[in-house]
Each structure stands twice: as C-alpha cells, then as structure tokens.
Amino acid sequence: MIRFRLRPTEILLSLACGLPLAAAAGDPLDLAAPYLKGDWGQIKANVRYRYEYVDEEGNKQEANASTMRLRLGYLTPKFQGVQVYGEM
C-alpha cells in the first residue's frame, strides 16, 4: 500500500494552484443546462467526489474512504404561480 503524507504547506499550495483551474473549467453539468430545461420543467443534477484519510493518534489502524454523491432533482413548471421541486 502506498501512503502519502502531506504537510499543511503542501496542501495549501495544491489548493492555491488547483482552485483557479477548477473555477475556470466550471461545472460540466452547467454546459448541459440548456438541454435539461424546457416547457416540461427542469432536471437538476449535482455530483460530488470526496476522499478522506484518517490516521488517529493512539490507533494503529488507518482508514481511507472514497465516496461520490449524486443528487438528482426535478423542478416542475409554474402552475398558477406554484412550483414543486423534488430531489433524491
């Protein structure tokens, strides 16, 4: 197993370099937004990836977790001034 230990300065440097690139690229689902909207309503989607590493002091075991969350939603068109939004 390969173990990476990053110091706080390395983490901050990575964030400083990566955040402007991520902001420039934007959310890929934003590019598809015009195709997910119409007279029938609007489909919304959100994807989030997360990685977590735990190495507690006093505990000999380490833990790694890699998760991805997908949220899908539907927004109805307005009907007599009322809209409904459902998400799963």
N, C-alpha and C. Protein backbone atom coordinates (compact mmCIF):
# COMPACT_ATOMS: atom_id res chain seq x y z
N MET A 1 0.83 -1.16 0.00
CA MET A 1 0.00 0.00 0.00
C MET A 1 0.89 1.24 0.00
N ILE A 2 0.55 2.20 -0.85
CA ILE A 2 1.31 3.45 -0.94
C ILE A 2 0.66 4.45 0.01
N ARG A 3 1.47 5.10 0.82
CA ARG A 3 0.95 6.08 1.76
C ARG A 3 1.52 7.45 1.43
N PHE A 4 0.64 8.41 1.40
CA PHE A 4 1.05 9.79 1.15
C PHE A 4 0.79 10.60 2.40
N ARG A 5 1.77 11.31 2.83
CA ARG A 5 1.60 12.21 3.97
C ARG A 5 1.93 13.62 3.49
N LEU A 6 0.92 14.46 3.49
CA LEU A 6 1.11 15.83 3.03
C LEU A 6 1.20 16.77 4.22
N ARG A 7 2.12 17.69 4.13
CA ARG A 7 2.24 18.73 5.15
C ARG A 7 1.24 19.84 4.83
N PRO A 8 0.87 20.63 5.82
CA PRO A 8 -0.10 21.71 5.58
C PRO A 8 0.32 22.67 4.47
N THR A 9 1.62 22.94 4.35
CA THR A 9 2.07 23.86 3.28
C THR A 9 1.84 23.24 1.90
N GLU A 10 2.03 21.92 1.79
CA GLU A 10 1.79 21.26 0.51
C GLU A 10 0.30 21.27 0.15
N ILE A 11 -0.55 21.09 1.15
CA ILE A 11 -1.99 21.12 0.92
C ILE A 11 -2.42 22.51 0.47
N LEU A 12 -1.95 23.54 1.15
CA LEU A 12 -2.31 24.91 0.77
C LEU A 12 -1.81 25.26 -0.63
N LEU A 13 -0.62 24.81 -0.95
CA LEU A 13 -0.07 25.07 -2.29
C LEU A 13 -0.90 24.37 -3.36
N SER A 14 -1.31 23.14 -3.09
CA SER A 14 -2.15 22.41 -4.04
C SER A 14 -3.48 23.11 -4.25
N LEU A 15 -4.08 23.58 -3.17
CA LEU A 15 -5.35 24.30 -3.28
C LEU A 15 -5.18 25.61 -4.04
N ALA A 16 -4.11 26.32 -3.76
CA ALA A 16 -3.87 27.60 -4.43
C ALA A 16 -3.70 27.42 -5.93
N CYS A 17 -3.09 26.32 -6.34
CA CYS A 17 -2.88 26.06 -7.77
C CYS A 17 -4.13 25.47 -8.43
N GLY A 18 -4.86 24.66 -7.69
CA GLY A 18 -5.98 23.94 -8.29
C GLY A 18 -7.28 24.70 -8.34
N LEU A 19 -7.55 25.56 -7.37
CA LEU A 19 -8.84 26.26 -7.33
C LEU A 19 -9.07 27.17 -8.54
N PRO A 20 -8.08 27.96 -8.98
CA PRO A 20 -8.34 28.78 -10.17
C PRO A 20 -8.63 27.93 -11.41
N LEU A 21 -7.97 26.79 -11.53
CA LEU A 21 -8.23 25.92 -12.67
C LEU A 21 -9.63 25.33 -12.61
N ALA A 22 -10.05 24.93 -11.43
CA ALA A 22 -11.39 24.36 -11.27
C ALA A 22 -12.44 25.42 -11.54
N ALA A 23 -12.21 26.64 -11.10
CA ALA A 23 -13.18 27.71 -11.32
C ALA A 23 -13.28 28.05 -12.80
N ALA A 24 -12.16 28.01 -13.51
CA ALA A 24 -12.18 28.31 -14.94
C ALA A 24 -12.89 27.23 -15.73
N ALA A 25 -12.72 25.98 -15.31
CA ALA A 25 -13.35 24.88 -16.02
C ALA A 25 -14.85 24.87 -15.80
N GLY A 26 -15.31 25.23 -14.62
CA GLY A 26 -16.73 25.26 -14.33
C GLY A 26 -17.28 23.86 -14.12
N ASP A 27 -18.55 23.81 -13.81
CA ASP A 27 -19.23 22.54 -13.59
C ASP A 27 -19.64 21.96 -14.94
N PRO A 28 -19.28 20.71 -15.24
CA PRO A 28 -19.65 20.12 -16.53
C PRO A 28 -21.16 20.09 -16.74
N LEU A 29 -21.92 20.01 -15.65
CA LEU A 29 -23.38 19.98 -15.80
C LEU A 29 -23.91 21.34 -16.22
N ASP A 30 -23.17 22.42 -15.97
CA ASP A 30 -23.61 23.74 -16.43
C ASP A 30 -23.64 23.82 -17.95
N LEU A 31 -22.75 23.09 -18.60
CA LEU A 31 -22.74 23.07 -20.06
C LEU A 31 -23.98 22.38 -20.62
N ALA A 32 -24.51 21.43 -19.87
CA ALA A 32 -25.69 20.69 -20.32
C ALA A 32 -27.00 21.34 -19.89
N ALA A 33 -26.93 22.41 -19.09
CA ALA A 33 -28.13 23.03 -18.51
C ALA A 33 -29.17 23.43 -19.56
N PRO A 34 -28.79 24.01 -20.69
CA PRO A 34 -29.83 24.37 -21.66
C PRO A 34 -30.62 23.18 -22.19
N TYR A 35 -30.03 22.00 -22.18
CA TYR A 35 -30.70 20.81 -22.69
C TYR A 35 -31.55 20.12 -21.62
N LEU A 36 -31.40 20.53 -20.36
CA LEU A 36 -32.14 19.92 -19.26
C LEU A 36 -33.31 20.79 -18.81
N LYS A 37 -33.70 21.76 -19.64
CA LYS A 37 -34.74 22.71 -19.28
C LYS A 37 -35.70 22.84 -20.46
N GLY A 38 -36.98 22.92 -20.17
CA GLY A 38 -37.96 23.10 -21.23
C GLY A 38 -39.32 23.44 -20.68
N ASP A 39 -40.34 23.38 -21.53
CA ASP A 39 -41.71 23.66 -21.10
C ASP A 39 -42.21 22.63 -20.09
N TRP A 40 -41.61 21.46 -20.08
CA TRP A 40 -42.00 20.35 -19.20
C TRP A 40 -41.40 20.47 -17.80
N GLY A 41 -40.49 21.42 -17.58
CA GLY A 41 -39.84 21.59 -16.28
C GLY A 41 -38.33 21.64 -16.43
N GLN A 42 -37.64 21.30 -15.36
CA GLN A 42 -36.18 21.36 -15.38
C GLN A 42 -35.60 20.22 -14.56
N ILE A 43 -34.60 19.55 -15.13
CA ILE A 43 -33.88 18.49 -14.43
C ILE A 43 -32.61 19.10 -13.85
N LYS A 44 -32.34 18.80 -12.59
CA LYS A 44 -31.12 19.31 -11.94
C LYS A 44 -30.28 18.12 -11.47
N ALA A 45 -28.96 18.27 -11.57
CA ALA A 45 -28.06 17.21 -11.15
C ALA A 45 -26.82 17.82 -10.50
N ASN A 46 -26.28 17.11 -9.52
CA ASN A 46 -25.09 17.56 -8.82
C ASN A 46 -24.27 16.32 -8.45
N VAL A 47 -22.97 16.34 -8.79
CA VAL A 47 -22.07 15.23 -8.48
C VAL A 47 -20.94 15.77 -7.61
N ARG A 48 -20.63 15.05 -6.52
CA ARG A 48 -19.53 15.48 -5.65
C ARG A 48 -18.68 14.26 -5.28
N TYR A 49 -17.38 14.37 -5.50
CA TYR A 49 -16.43 13.32 -5.12
C TYR A 49 -15.69 13.77 -3.87
N ARG A 50 -15.46 12.83 -2.96
CA ARG A 50 -14.75 13.16 -1.72
C ARG A 50 -13.81 12.01 -1.35
N TYR A 51 -12.62 12.36 -0.90
CA TYR A 51 -11.65 11.38 -0.40
C TYR A 51 -11.26 11.79 1.01
N GLU A 52 -11.20 10.82 1.89
CA GLU A 52 -10.84 11.10 3.28
C GLU A 52 -9.82 10.08 3.77
N TYR A 53 -8.83 10.57 4.47
CA TYR A 53 -7.79 9.73 5.06
C TYR A 53 -7.75 10.02 6.56
N VAL A 54 -7.77 8.96 7.38
CA VAL A 54 -7.76 9.13 8.83
C VAL A 54 -6.61 8.32 9.41
N ASP A 55 -5.81 8.99 10.21
CA ASP A 55 -4.72 8.36 10.94
C ASP A 55 -4.74 8.92 12.34
N GLU A 56 -5.50 8.28 13.21
CA GLU A 56 -5.68 8.79 14.57
C GLU A 56 -4.50 8.41 15.45
N GLU A 57 -4.15 9.31 16.32
CA GLU A 57 -3.08 9.06 17.27
C GLU A 57 -3.59 8.06 18.31
N GLY A 58 -2.80 7.06 18.62
CA GLY A 58 -3.20 6.05 19.58
C GLY A 58 -3.93 4.87 18.95
N ASN A 59 -4.27 4.98 17.71
CA ASN A 59 -4.94 3.88 17.00
C ASN A 59 -3.99 3.41 15.89
N LYS A 60 -3.71 2.12 15.86
CA LYS A 60 -2.73 1.60 14.91
C LYS A 60 -3.27 1.50 13.49
N GLN A 61 -4.58 1.53 13.34
CA GLN A 61 -5.17 1.38 12.02
C GLN A 61 -5.38 2.73 11.35
N GLU A 62 -5.26 2.71 10.04
CA GLU A 62 -5.54 3.90 9.23
C GLU A 62 -6.77 3.60 8.40
N ALA A 63 -7.44 4.63 7.97
CA ALA A 63 -8.65 4.43 7.17
C ALA A 63 -8.63 5.36 5.96
N ASN A 64 -9.08 4.84 4.85
CA ASN A 64 -9.24 5.60 3.61
C ASN A 64 -10.69 5.44 3.15
N ALA A 65 -11.27 6.52 2.70
CA ALA A 65 -12.64 6.45 2.19
C ALA A 65 -12.73 7.30 0.93
N SER A 66 -13.33 6.74 -0.08
CA SER A 66 -13.56 7.43 -1.34
C SER A 66 -15.05 7.34 -1.63
N THR A 67 -15.73 8.48 -1.67
CA THR A 67 -17.17 8.48 -1.89
C THR A 67 -17.54 9.44 -3.00
N MET A 68 -18.66 9.14 -3.65
CA MET A 68 -19.20 10.02 -4.68
C MET A 68 -20.70 10.16 -4.42
N ARG A 69 -21.16 11.41 -4.40
CA ARG A 69 -22.57 11.67 -4.18
C ARG A 69 -23.20 12.19 -5.47
N LEU A 70 -24.35 11.65 -5.83
CA LEU A 70 -25.11 12.10 -6.99
C LEU A 70 -26.48 12.54 -6.51
N ARG A 71 -26.81 13.80 -6.76
CA ARG A 71 -28.13 14.33 -6.42
C ARG A 71 -28.87 14.63 -7.71
N LEU A 72 -30.07 14.09 -7.84
CA LEU A 72 -30.92 14.35 -9.00
C LEU A 72 -32.19 15.03 -8.52
N GLY A 73 -32.63 16.02 -9.27
CA GLY A 73 -33.84 16.74 -8.89
C GLY A 73 -34.66 17.10 -10.10
N TYR A 74 -35.93 17.40 -9.84
CA TYR A 74 -36.84 17.83 -10.90
C TYR A 74 -37.64 19.02 -10.41
N LEU A 75 -37.66 20.09 -11.19
CA LEU A 75 -38.42 21.30 -10.88
C LEU A 75 -39.55 21.40 -11.89
N THR A 76 -40.78 21.41 -11.40
CA THR A 76 -41.94 21.47 -12.29
C THR A 76 -42.07 22.88 -12.87
N PRO A 77 -42.76 23.00 -13.99
CA PRO A 77 -43.05 24.35 -14.48
C PRO A 77 -44.06 25.03 -13.55
N LYS A 78 -44.15 26.36 -13.63
CA LYS A 78 -45.10 27.09 -12.78
C LYS A 78 -46.52 26.76 -13.22
N PHE A 79 -47.36 26.48 -12.24
CA PHE A 79 -48.78 26.26 -12.48
C PHE A 79 -49.56 27.09 -11.48
N GLN A 80 -50.20 28.12 -11.95
CA GLN A 80 -50.93 29.06 -11.13
C GLN A 80 -50.04 29.65 -10.03
N GLY A 81 -48.81 29.98 -10.42
CA GLY A 81 -47.87 30.62 -9.51
C GLY A 81 -47.17 29.70 -8.53
N VAL A 82 -47.33 28.38 -8.68
CA VAL A 82 -46.73 27.42 -7.74
C VAL A 82 -45.80 26.48 -8.51
N GLN A 83 -44.63 26.22 -7.93
CA GLN A 83 -43.68 25.25 -8.48
C GLN A 83 -43.37 24.23 -7.39
N VAL A 84 -43.04 23.02 -7.81
CA VAL A 84 -42.67 21.96 -6.87
C VAL A 84 -41.29 21.45 -7.28
N TYR A 85 -40.43 21.21 -6.27
CA TYR A 85 -39.09 20.67 -6.53
C TYR A 85 -38.91 19.41 -5.71
N GLY A 86 -38.52 18.33 -6.36
CA GLY A 86 -38.23 17.07 -5.68
C GLY A 86 -36.80 16.65 -5.95
N GLU A 87 -36.18 16.04 -4.94
CA GLU A 87 -34.77 15.66 -5.06
C GLU A 87 -34.55 14.32 -4.39
N MET A 88 -33.67 13.52 -5.01
CA MET A 88 -33.29 12.25 -4.39
C MET A 88 -31.82 12.04 -4.47
